[in-house]
Amino acid sequence: GGELWLCPICLVSRDLQDAEKVAVAKVVGATPML
């Protein structure tokens, strides 16, 4: 039941925002994480 959250700014800065992601990955920023 673990969740893998990916920083959206980090994805964008690496041109990975549109890359395919594993099923468990979610794009989650600092505010929702906090």
Full PDB file with SEQRES, HELIX, SHEET, SSBOND, CRYST1, ORIGX, SCALE, CONECT and MASTER records, all heavy atoms in Angstrom:
SEQRES   1 A   34  GLY GLY GLU LEU TRP LEU CYS PRO ILE CYS LEU VAL SER          
SEQRES   2 A   34  ARG ASP LEU GLN ASP ALA GLU LYS VAL ALA VAL ALA LYS          
SEQRES   3 A   34  VAL VAL GLY ALA THR PRO MET LEU                              
HELIX    1 AA1 PRO A    8  SER A   13  1                                   6    
HELIX    2 AA2 ALA A   30  MET A   33  1                                   4    
SHEET    1 AA1 2 LEU A   4  LEU A   6  0                                        
SHEET    2 AA1 2 ALA A  25  VAL A  27  1                                        
CRYST1    1.000    1.000    1.000  90.00  90.00  90.00 P 1           1          
ORIGX1      1.000000  0.000000  0.000000        0.00000                         
ORIGX2      0.000000  1.000000  0.000000        0.00000                         
ORIGX3      0.000000  0.000000  1.000000        0.00000                         
SCALE1      1.000000  0.000000  0.000000        0.00000                         
SCALE2      0.000000  1.000000  0.000000        0.00000                         
SCALE3      0.000000  0.000000  1.000000        0.00000                         
ATOM      1  N   GLY A   1       0.789  -1.228   0.000  1.00  0.00           N  
ATOM      2  CA  GLY A   1       0.000   0.000   0.000  1.00  0.00           C  
ATOM      3  C   GLY A   1       0.819   1.275   0.000  1.00  0.00           C  
ATOM      4  O   GLY A   1       0.276   2.361   0.194  1.00  0.00           O  
ATOM      5  N   GLY A   2       2.122   1.165  -0.234  1.00  0.00           N  
ATOM      6  CA  GLY A   2       2.968   2.358  -0.286  1.00  0.00           C  
ATOM      7  C   GLY A   2       2.655   3.234  -1.480  1.00  0.00           C  
ATOM      8  O   GLY A   2       2.167   2.753  -2.505  1.00  0.00           O  
ATOM      9  N   GLU A   3       2.922   4.513  -1.326  1.00  0.00           N  
ATOM     10  CA  GLU A   3       2.700   5.471  -2.410  1.00  0.00           C  
ATOM     11  C   GLU A   3       4.025   6.121  -2.782  1.00  0.00           C  
ATOM     12  O   GLU A   3       4.791   6.513  -1.898  1.00  0.00           O  
ATOM     13  CB  GLU A   3       1.709   6.543  -1.980  1.00  0.00           C  
ATOM     14  CG  GLU A   3       0.326   6.006  -1.679  1.00  0.00           C  
ATOM     15  CD  GLU A   3      -0.660   7.108  -1.334  1.00  0.00           C  
ATOM     16  OE1 GLU A   3      -0.597   8.190  -1.939  1.00  0.00           O  
ATOM     17  OE2 GLU A   3      -1.481   6.873  -0.439  1.00  0.00           O  
ATOM     18  N   LEU A   4       4.279   6.238  -4.071  1.00  0.00           N  
ATOM     19  CA  LEU A   4       5.478   6.897  -4.575  1.00  0.00           C  
ATOM     20  C   LEU A   4       5.059   8.234  -5.170  1.00  0.00           C  
ATOM     21  O   LEU A   4       4.343   8.275  -6.165  1.00  0.00           O  
ATOM     22  CB  LEU A   4       6.167   6.029  -5.632  1.00  0.00           C  
ATOM     23  CG  LEU A   4       7.416   6.613  -6.277  1.00  0.00           C  
ATOM     24  CD1 LEU A   4       8.485   6.923  -5.225  1.00  0.00           C  
ATOM     25  CD2 LEU A   4       7.955   5.664  -7.331  1.00  0.00           C  
ATOM     26  N   TRP A   5       5.483   9.305  -4.512  1.00  0.00           N  
ATOM     27  CA  TRP A   5       5.146  10.649  -4.956  1.00  0.00           C  
ATOM     28  C   TRP A   5       6.344  11.271  -5.644  1.00  0.00           C  
ATOM     29  O   TRP A   5       7.472  11.193  -5.144  1.00  0.00           O  
ATOM     30  CB  TRP A   5       4.728  11.511  -3.770  1.00  0.00           C  
ATOM     31  CG  TRP A   5       3.483  11.062  -3.083  1.00  0.00           C  
ATOM     32  CD1 TRP A   5       2.602  10.093  -3.488  1.00  0.00           C  
ATOM     33  CD2 TRP A   5       2.966  11.560  -1.857  1.00  0.00           C  
ATOM     34  NE1 TRP A   5       1.571   9.974  -2.598  1.00  0.00           N  
ATOM     35  CE2 TRP A   5       1.770  10.857  -1.582  1.00  0.00           C  
ATOM     36  CE3 TRP A   5       3.391  12.521  -0.955  1.00  0.00           C  
ATOM     37  CZ2 TRP A   5       1.006  11.111  -0.447  1.00  0.00           C  
ATOM     38  CZ3 TRP A   5       2.639  12.777   0.168  1.00  0.00           C  
ATOM     39  CH2 TRP A   5       1.456  12.077   0.414  1.00  0.00           C  
ATOM     40  N   LEU A   6       6.114  11.927  -6.764  1.00  0.00           N  
ATOM     41  CA  LEU A   6       7.174  12.553  -7.543  1.00  0.00           C  
ATOM     42  C   LEU A   6       6.997  14.067  -7.542  1.00  0.00           C  
ATOM     43  O   LEU A   6       5.914  14.569  -7.845  1.00  0.00           O  
ATOM     44  CB  LEU A   6       7.152  12.031  -8.979  1.00  0.00           C  
ATOM     45  CG  LEU A   6       7.141  10.505  -9.153  1.00  0.00           C  
ATOM     46  CD1 LEU A   6       7.057  10.147 -10.632  1.00  0.00           C  
ATOM     47  CD2 LEU A   6       8.345   9.874  -8.491  1.00  0.00           C  
ATOM     48  N   CYS A   7       8.064  14.772  -7.232  1.00  0.00           N  
ATOM     49  CA  CYS A   7       8.053  16.231  -7.209  1.00  0.00           C  
ATOM     50  C   CYS A   7       7.818  16.773  -8.624  1.00  0.00           C  
ATOM     51  O   CYS A   7       8.580  16.465  -9.540  1.00  0.00           O  
ATOM     52  CB  CYS A   7       9.397  16.726  -6.672  1.00  0.00           C  
ATOM     53  SG  CYS A   7       9.691  18.482  -6.911  1.00  0.00           S  
ATOM     54  N   PRO A   8       6.772  17.576  -8.810  1.00  0.00           N  
ATOM     55  CA  PRO A   8       6.480  18.072 -10.158  1.00  0.00           C  
ATOM     56  C   PRO A   8       7.562  19.005 -10.706  1.00  0.00           C  
ATOM     57  O   PRO A   8       7.890  18.938 -11.902  1.00  0.00           O  
ATOM     58  CB  PRO A   8       5.144  18.797 -10.003  1.00  0.00           C  
ATOM     59  CG  PRO A   8       5.008  19.088  -8.548  1.00  0.00           C  
ATOM     60  CD  PRO A   8       5.779  18.029  -7.830  1.00  0.00           C  
ATOM     61  N   ILE A   9       8.131  19.850  -9.883  1.00  0.00           N  
ATOM     62  CA  ILE A   9       9.187  20.759 -10.347  1.00  0.00           C  
ATOM     63  C   ILE A   9      10.409  19.962 -10.788  1.00  0.00           C  
ATOM     64  O   ILE A   9      11.048  20.282 -11.797  1.00  0.00           O  
ATOM     65  CB  ILE A   9       9.546  21.785  -9.255  1.00  0.00           C  
ATOM     66  CG1 ILE A   9       8.358  22.719  -9.018  1.00  0.00           C  
ATOM     67  CG2 ILE A   9      10.801  22.570  -9.618  1.00  0.00           C  
ATOM     68  CD1 ILE A   9       8.514  23.651  -7.837  1.00  0.00           C  
ATOM     69  N   CYS A  10      10.721  18.913 -10.048  1.00  0.00           N  
ATOM     70  CA  CYS A  10      11.871  18.066 -10.387  1.00  0.00           C  
ATOM     71  C   CYS A  10      11.641  17.336 -11.707  1.00  0.00           C  
ATOM     72  O   CYS A  10      12.574  17.169 -12.499  1.00  0.00           O  
ATOM     73  CB  CYS A  10      12.146  17.075  -9.263  1.00  0.00           C  
ATOM     74  SG  CYS A  10      12.475  17.885  -7.673  1.00  0.00           S  
ATOM     75  N   LEU A  11      10.412  16.893 -11.956  1.00  0.00           N  
ATOM     76  CA  LEU A  11      10.084  16.258 -13.232  1.00  0.00           C  
ATOM     77  C   LEU A  11      10.243  17.241 -14.387  1.00  0.00           C  
ATOM     78  O   LEU A  11      10.855  16.915 -15.404  1.00  0.00           O  
ATOM     79  CB  LEU A  11       8.654  15.712 -13.205  1.00  0.00           C  
ATOM     80  CG  LEU A  11       8.411  14.474 -12.359  1.00  0.00           C  
ATOM     81  CD1 LEU A  11       6.910  14.233 -12.186  1.00  0.00           C  
ATOM     82  CD2 LEU A  11       9.078  13.245 -12.963  1.00  0.00           C  
ATOM     83  N   VAL A  12       9.694  18.435 -14.217  1.00  0.00           N  
ATOM     84  CA  VAL A  12       9.763  19.449 -15.280  1.00  0.00           C  
ATOM     85  C   VAL A  12      11.210  19.829 -15.574  1.00  0.00           C  
ATOM     86  O   VAL A  12      11.613  19.927 -16.735  1.00  0.00           O  
ATOM     87  CB  VAL A  12       8.928  20.693 -14.902  1.00  0.00           C  
ATOM     88  CG1 VAL A  12       9.200  21.851 -15.846  1.00  0.00           C  
ATOM     89  CG2 VAL A  12       7.448  20.341 -14.901  1.00  0.00           C  
ATOM     90  N   SER A  13      12.013  20.018 -14.534  1.00  0.00           N  
ATOM     91  CA  SER A  13      13.396  20.452 -14.753  1.00  0.00           C  
ATOM     92  C   SER A  13      14.229  19.392 -15.463  1.00  0.00           C  
ATOM     93  O   SER A  13      15.293  19.697 -15.994  1.00  0.00           O  
ATOM     94  CB  SER A  13      14.052  20.835 -13.426  1.00  0.00           C  
ATOM     95  OG  SER A  13      14.262  19.704 -12.616  1.00  0.00           O  
ATOM     96  N   ARG A  14      13.742  18.159 -15.493  1.00  0.00           N  
ATOM     97  CA  ARG A  14      14.437  17.074 -16.183  1.00  0.00           C  
ATOM     98  C   ARG A  14      13.691  16.642 -17.458  1.00  0.00           C  
ATOM     99  O   ARG A  14      13.985  15.606 -18.028  1.00  0.00           O  
ATOM    100  CB  ARG A  14      14.591  15.884 -15.234  1.00  0.00           C  
ATOM    101  CG  ARG A  14      15.620  16.166 -14.171  1.00  0.00           C  
ATOM    102  CD  ARG A  14      15.463  15.305 -12.946  1.00  0.00           C  
ATOM    103  NE  ARG A  14      16.482  15.651 -11.982  1.00  0.00           N  
ATOM    104  CZ  ARG A  14      16.435  16.708 -11.167  1.00  0.00           C  
ATOM    105  NH1 ARG A  14      15.397  17.525 -11.192  1.00  0.00           N  
ATOM    106  NH2 ARG A  14      17.416  16.966 -10.335  1.00  0.00           N  
ATOM    107  N   ASP A  15      12.709  17.433 -17.870  1.00  0.00           N  
ATOM    108  CA  ASP A  15      11.885  17.136 -19.053  1.00  0.00           C  
ATOM    109  C   ASP A  15      11.221  15.758 -18.944  1.00  0.00           C  
ATOM    110  O   ASP A  15      11.082  15.043 -19.935  1.00  0.00           O  
ATOM    111  CB  ASP A  15      12.698  17.229 -20.350  1.00  0.00           C  
ATOM    112  CG  ASP A  15      13.110  18.651 -20.655  1.00  0.00           C  
ATOM    113  OD1 ASP A  15      12.308  19.570 -20.374  1.00  0.00           O  
ATOM    114  OD2 ASP A  15      14.229  18.851 -21.160  1.00  0.00           O  
ATOM    115  N   LEU A  16      10.796  15.381 -17.746  1.00  0.00           N  
ATOM    116  CA  LEU A  16      10.172  14.078 -17.511  1.00  0.00           C  
ATOM    117  C   LEU A  16       8.686  14.181 -17.191  1.00  0.00           C  
ATOM    118  O   LEU A  16       8.053  13.169 -16.883  1.00  0.00           O  
ATOM    119  CB  LEU A  16      10.889  13.354 -16.360  1.00  0.00           C  
ATOM    120  CG  LEU A  16      12.347  13.000 -16.590  1.00  0.00           C  
ATOM    121  CD1 LEU A  16      12.979  12.452 -15.314  1.00  0.00           C  
ATOM    122  CD2 LEU A  16      12.476  12.006 -17.736  1.00  0.00           C  
ATOM    123  N   GLN A  17       8.117  15.377 -17.260  1.00  0.00           N  
ATOM    124  CA  GLN A  17       6.716  15.554 -16.867  1.00  0.00           C  
ATOM    125  C   GLN A  17       5.762  14.709 -17.707  1.00  0.00           C  
ATOM    126  O   GLN A  17       4.725  14.275 -17.220  1.00  0.00           O  
ATOM    127  CB  GLN A  17       6.305  17.030 -16.879  1.00  0.00           C  
ATOM    128  CG  GLN A  17       6.282  17.675 -18.245  1.00  0.00           C  
ATOM    129  CD  GLN A  17       7.615  18.246 -18.689  1.00  0.00           C  
ATOM    130  OE1 GLN A  17       8.665  17.931 -18.146  1.00  0.00           O  
ATOM    131  NE2 GLN A  17       7.567  19.102 -19.699  1.00  0.00           N  
ATOM    132  N   ASP A  18       6.105  14.443 -18.953  1.00  0.00           N  
ATOM    133  CA  ASP A  18       5.221  13.661 -19.832  1.00  0.00           C  
ATOM    134  C   ASP A  18       5.685  12.213 -19.988  1.00  0.00           C  
ATOM    135  O   ASP A  18       5.069  11.448 -20.730  1.00  0.00           O  
ATOM    136  CB  ASP A  18       5.127  14.322 -21.210  1.00  0.00           C  
ATOM    137  CG  ASP A  18       4.482  15.702 -21.135  1.00  0.00           C  
ATOM    138  OD1 ASP A  18       3.561  15.879 -20.308  1.00  0.00           O  
ATOM    139  OD2 ASP A  18       4.905  16.595 -21.887  1.00  0.00           O  
ATOM    140  N   ALA A  19       6.743  11.841 -19.291  1.00  0.00           N  
ATOM    141  CA  ALA A  19       7.266  10.475 -19.402  1.00  0.00           C  
ATOM    142  C   ALA A  19       6.290   9.481 -18.777  1.00  0.00           C  
ATOM    143  O   ALA A  19       5.554   9.817 -17.841  1.00  0.00           O  
ATOM    144  CB  ALA A  19       8.622  10.382 -18.709  1.00  0.00           C  
ATOM    145  N   GLU A  20       6.289   8.276 -19.307  1.00  0.00           N  
ATOM    146  CA  GLU A  20       5.491   7.207 -18.710  1.00  0.00           C  
ATOM    147  C   GLU A  20       5.988   6.957 -17.293  1.00  0.00           C  
ATOM    148  O   GLU A  20       7.188   7.022 -17.021  1.00  0.00           O  
ATOM    149  CB  GLU A  20       5.634   5.929 -19.543  1.00  0.00           C  
ATOM    150  CG  GLU A  20       4.858   4.759 -18.996  1.00  0.00           C  
ATOM    151  CD  GLU A  20       5.091   3.480 -19.776  1.00  0.00           C  
ATOM    152  OE1 GLU A  20       5.760   3.510 -20.829  1.00  0.00           O  
ATOM    153  OE2 GLU A  20       4.597   2.443 -19.307  1.00  0.00           O  
ATOM    154  N   LYS A  21       5.057   6.686 -16.396  1.00  0.00           N  
ATOM    155  CA  LYS A  21       5.403   6.450 -15.001  1.00  0.00           C  
ATOM    156  C   LYS A  21       4.846   5.113 -14.540  1.00  0.00           C  
ATOM    157  O   LYS A  21       3.893   4.608 -15.111  1.00  0.00           O  
ATOM    158  CB  LYS A  21       4.877   7.588 -14.129  1.00  0.00           C  
ATOM    159  CG  LYS A  21       5.555   8.916 -14.484  1.00  0.00           C  
ATOM    160  CD  LYS A  21       4.856  10.100 -13.905  1.00  0.00           C  
ATOM    161  CE  LYS A  21       5.427  11.386 -14.413  1.00  0.00           C  
ATOM    162  NZ  LYS A  21       5.199  11.656 -15.820  1.00  0.00           N  
ATOM    163  N   VAL A  22       5.473   4.537 -13.513  1.00  0.00           N  
ATOM    164  CA  VAL A  22       4.957   3.283 -12.955  1.00  0.00           C  
ATOM    165  C   VAL A  22       3.584   3.561 -12.357  1.00  0.00           C  
ATOM    166  O   VAL A  22       3.263   4.690 -11.970  1.00  0.00           O  
ATOM    167  CB  VAL A  22       5.919   2.684 -11.902  1.00  0.00           C  
ATOM    168  CG1 VAL A  22       7.245   2.292 -12.541  1.00  0.00           C  
ATOM    169  CG2 VAL A  22       6.144   3.619 -10.741  1.00  0.00           C  
ATOM    170  N   ALA A  23       2.778   2.525 -12.256  1.00  0.00           N  
ATOM    171  CA  ALA A  23       1.383   2.681 -11.839  1.00  0.00           C  
ATOM    172  C   ALA A  23       1.234   3.325 -10.468  1.00  0.00           C  
ATOM    173  O   ALA A  23       0.297   4.083 -10.239  1.00  0.00           O  
ATOM    174  CB  ALA A  23       0.679   1.332 -11.855  1.00  0.00           C  
ATOM    175  N   VAL A  24       2.139   3.066  -9.562  1.00  0.00           N  
ATOM    176  CA  VAL A  24       2.008   3.572  -8.198  1.00  0.00           C  
ATOM    177  C   VAL A  24       2.462   5.034  -8.065  1.00  0.00           C  
ATOM    178  O   VAL A  24       2.196   5.676  -7.060  1.00  0.00           O  
ATOM    179  CB  VAL A  24       2.781   2.657  -7.216  1.00  0.00           C  
ATOM    180  CG1 VAL A  24       4.279   2.773  -7.403  1.00  0.00           C  
ATOM    181  CG2 VAL A  24       2.385   2.912  -5.790  1.00  0.00           C  
ATOM    182  N   ALA A  25       3.115   5.575  -9.070  1.00  0.00           N  
ATOM    183  CA  ALA A  25       3.651   6.939  -8.995  1.00  0.00           C  
ATOM    184  C   ALA A  25       2.556   7.984  -9.177  1.00  0.00           C  
ATOM    185  O   ALA A  25       1.685   7.851 -10.028  1.00  0.00           O  
ATOM    186  CB  ALA A  25       4.734   7.130 -10.047  1.00  0.00           C  
ATOM    187  N   LYS A  26       2.628   9.017  -8.339  1.00  0.00           N  
ATOM    188  CA  LYS A  26       1.730  10.166  -8.439  1.00  0.00           C  
ATOM    189  C   LYS A  26       2.582  11.419  -8.409  1.00  0.00           C  
ATOM    190  O   LYS A  26       3.578  11.483  -7.692  1.00  0.00           O  
ATOM    191  CB  LYS A  26       0.778  10.217  -7.247  1.00  0.00           C  
ATOM    192  CG  LYS A  26      -0.139   9.034  -7.092  1.00  0.00           C  
ATOM    193  CD  LYS A  26      -0.967   9.187  -5.822  1.00  0.00           C  
ATOM    194  CE  LYS A  26      -1.793   7.943  -5.572  1.00  0.00           C  
ATOM    195  NZ  LYS A  26      -2.508   8.016  -4.305  1.00  0.00           N  
ATOM    196  N   VAL A  27       2.180  12.419  -9.148  1.00  0.00           N  
ATOM    197  CA  VAL A  27       2.866  13.699  -9.116  1.00  0.00           C  
ATOM    198  C   VAL A  27       2.250  14.514  -7.979  1.00  0.00           C  
ATOM    199  O   VAL A  27       1.054  14.817  -8.001  1.00  0.00           O  
ATOM    200  CB  VAL A  27       2.757  14.431 -10.471  1.00  0.00           C  
ATOM    201  CG1 VAL A  27       3.455  15.774 -10.405  1.00  0.00           C  
ATOM    202  CG2 VAL A  27       3.337  13.560 -11.592  1.00  0.00           C  
ATOM    203  N   VAL A  28       3.072  14.810  -6.979  1.00  0.00           N  
ATOM    204  CA  VAL A  28       2.592  15.491  -5.775  1.00  0.00           C  
ATOM    205  C   VAL A  28       3.601  16.569  -5.386  1.00  0.00           C  
ATOM    206  O   VAL A  28       4.778  16.277  -5.194  1.00  0.00           O  
ATOM    207  CB  VAL A  28       2.417  14.491  -4.599  1.00  0.00           C  
ATOM    208  CG1 VAL A  28       1.992  15.206  -3.334  1.00  0.00           C  
ATOM    209  CG2 VAL A  28       1.425  13.401  -4.960  1.00  0.00           C  
ATOM    210  N   GLY A  29       3.114  17.782  -5.253  1.00  0.00           N  
ATOM    211  CA  GLY A  29       3.967  18.890  -4.869  1.00  0.00           C  
ATOM    212  C   GLY A  29       4.137  19.015  -3.363  1.00  0.00           C  
ATOM    213  O   GLY A  29       3.595  18.229  -2.583  1.00  0.00           O  
ATOM    214  N   ALA A  30       4.892  20.027  -2.972  1.00  0.00           N  
ATOM    215  CA  ALA A  30       5.212  20.236  -1.560  1.00  0.00           C  
ATOM    216  C   ALA A  30       3.976  20.528  -0.719  1.00  0.00           C  
ATOM    217  O   ALA A  30       3.857  20.036   0.408  1.00  0.00           O  
ATOM    218  CB  ALA A  30       6.229  21.370  -1.420  1.00  0.00           C  
ATOM    219  N   THR A  31       3.048  21.315  -1.228  1.00  0.00           N  
ATOM    220  CA  THR A  31       1.871  21.675  -0.432  1.00  0.00           C  
ATOM    221  C   THR A  31       1.025  20.456  -0.082  1.00  0.00           C  
ATOM    222  O   THR A  31       0.732  20.238   1.100  1.00  0.00           O  
ATOM    223  CB  THR A  31       1.035  22.748  -1.152  1.00  0.00           C  
ATOM    224  OG1 THR A  31       1.864  23.912  -1.324  1.00  0.00           O  
ATOM    225  CG2 THR A  31      -0.202  23.116  -0.359  1.00  0.00           C  
ATOM    226  N   PRO A  32       0.650  19.596  -1.052  1.00  0.00           N  
ATOM    227  CA  PRO A  32      -0.106  18.402  -0.672  1.00  0.00           C  
ATOM    228  C   PRO A  32       0.692  17.464   0.241  1.00  0.00           C  
ATOM    229  O   PRO A  32       0.127  16.826   1.129  1.00  0.00           O  
ATOM    230  CB  PRO A  32      -0.426  17.710  -1.997  1.00  0.00           C  
ATOM    231  CG  PRO A  32      -0.215  18.739  -3.048  1.00  0.00           C  
ATOM    232  CD  PRO A  32       0.750  19.733  -2.506  1.00  0.00           C  
ATOM    233  N   MET A  33       2.008  17.391   0.018  1.00  0.00           N  
ATOM    234  CA  MET A  33       2.832  16.547   0.872  1.00  0.00           C  
ATOM    235  C   MET A  33       2.796  17.060   2.306  1.00  0.00           C  
ATOM    236  O   MET A  33       2.611  16.295   3.255  1.00  0.00           O  
ATOM    237  CB  MET A  33       4.269  16.505   0.347  1.00  0.00           C  
ATOM    238  CG  MET A  33       5.193  15.572   1.120  1.00  0.00           C  
ATOM    239  SD  MET A  33       6.041  16.325   2.523  1.00  0.00           S  
ATOM    240  CE  MET A  33       7.019  17.578   1.742  1.00  0.00           C  
ATOM    241  N   LEU A  34       2.917  18.364   2.485  1.00  0.00           N  
ATOM    242  CA  LEU A  34       2.889  18.946   3.827  1.00  0.00           C  
ATOM    243  C   LEU A  34       1.507  18.815   4.466  1.00  0.00           C  
ATOM    244  O   LEU A  34       1.398  18.677   5.687  1.00  0.00           O  
ATOM    245  CB  LEU A  34       3.336  20.401   3.795  1.00  0.00           C  
ATOM    246  CG  LEU A  34       4.837  20.584   3.547  1.00  0.00           C  
ATOM    247  CD1 LEU A  34       5.162  22.045   3.293  1.00  0.00           C  
ATOM    248  CD2 LEU A  34       5.660  20.026   4.691  1.00  0.00           C  
TER     249      LEU A  34                                                      
MASTER        0    0    0    2    2    0    0    6  248    1    0    3          
END                                                                             
